[in-house]
């Protein structure tokens, strides 16, 4: 079970940041349904060839500062 909780409005901003940072991600890779954080983390881990802990850390870091333009 994921410790992340992503709201729909946060996801819209986070999705843009992820697509800019990882420009090879497709719209299908960035599909997110509220409450399915684990599925998102698993999909991104596979696509980015990283472990789930890295993906969770990256998402949490970006969620903590959504206003920042930094990637």
Protein backbone atom coordinates (compact mmCIF):
# COMPACT_ATOMS: atom_id res chain seq x y z
CA UNK A 1 0.00 0.00 0.00
CA UNK A 2 1.35 3.38 -1.02
CA UNK A 3 1.95 6.19 1.42
CA UNK A 4 1.21 8.71 -1.33
CA UNK A 5 -2.14 10.41 -1.57
CA UNK A 6 -2.54 12.33 -4.81
CA UNK A 7 -5.54 14.55 -5.43
CA UNK A 8 -6.89 15.19 -8.93
CA UNK A 9 -5.72 18.82 -8.92
CA UNK A 10 -2.24 17.87 -7.66
CA UNK A 11 -2.00 15.17 -10.30
CA UNK A 12 -2.65 17.65 -13.12
CA UNK A 13 0.41 19.67 -12.05
CA UNK A 14 2.50 16.62 -11.23
CA UNK A 15 1.68 15.00 -14.57
CA UNK A 16 3.02 18.04 -16.44
CA UNK A 17 6.21 18.05 -14.38
CA UNK A 18 6.77 14.33 -14.96
CA UNK A 19 6.16 14.58 -18.69
CA UNK A 20 8.72 17.39 -18.91
CA UNK A 21 11.30 15.55 -16.82
CA UNK A 22 10.76 12.19 -18.52
CA UNK A 23 9.77 13.18 -22.04
CA UNK A 24 9.55 9.56 -23.21
CA UNK A 25 6.51 8.87 -20.98
CA UNK A 26 3.32 8.44 -22.96
CA UNK A 27 -0.15 9.64 -21.95
CA UNK A 28 -0.97 5.99 -21.13
CA UNK A 29 1.98 5.90 -18.71
CA UNK A 30 0.57 8.95 -16.94
CA UNK A 31 -2.99 7.71 -16.46
CA UNK A 32 -4.01 8.03 -12.83
CA UNK A 33 -7.24 7.23 -11.05
CA UNK A 34 -7.77 8.56 -7.53
CA UNK A 35 -6.87 5.91 -4.98
CA UNK A 36 -4.71 3.87 -7.36
CA UNK A 37 -1.34 5.27 -6.38
CA UNK A 38 0.22 1.80 -6.21
CA UNK A 39 -0.70 1.06 -9.82
CA UNK A 40 0.79 4.38 -10.89
CA UNK A 41 4.03 3.76 -8.98
CA UNK A 42 4.33 0.24 -10.40
CA UNK A 43 3.73 1.44 -13.97
CA UNK A 44 6.22 4.31 -13.67
CA UNK A 45 8.83 2.07 -12.05
CA UNK A 46 8.62 -0.36 -14.93
CA UNK A 47 8.63 2.35 -17.60
CA UNK A 48 11.48 4.35 -16.03
CA UNK A 49 13.43 1.22 -15.06
CA UNK A 50 13.67 2.31 -11.44
CA UNK A 51 12.57 0.69 -8.22
CA UNK A 52 9.29 1.60 -6.54
CA UNK A 53 11.07 3.38 -3.68
CA UNK A 54 12.74 5.77 -6.14
CA UNK A 55 9.42 6.53 -7.85
CA UNK A 56 7.65 7.06 -4.52
CA UNK A 57 10.45 9.37 -3.34
CA UNK A 58 10.36 11.35 -6.60
CA UNK A 59 6.57 11.76 -6.53
CA UNK A 60 6.58 12.73 -2.85
CA UNK A 61 9.32 15.29 -3.45
CA UNK A 62 7.43 16.87 -6.32
CA UNK A 63 4.15 16.83 -4.38
CA UNK A 64 5.77 18.68 -1.49
CA UNK A 65 6.57 21.63 -3.74
CA UNK A 66 4.11 21.74 -6.63
CA UNK A 67 4.48 25.49 -7.09
CA UNK A 68 8.15 25.12 -7.95
CA UNK A 69 9.06 24.99 -11.61
CA UNK A 70 12.02 22.82 -10.74
CA UNK A 71 12.03 19.25 -12.00
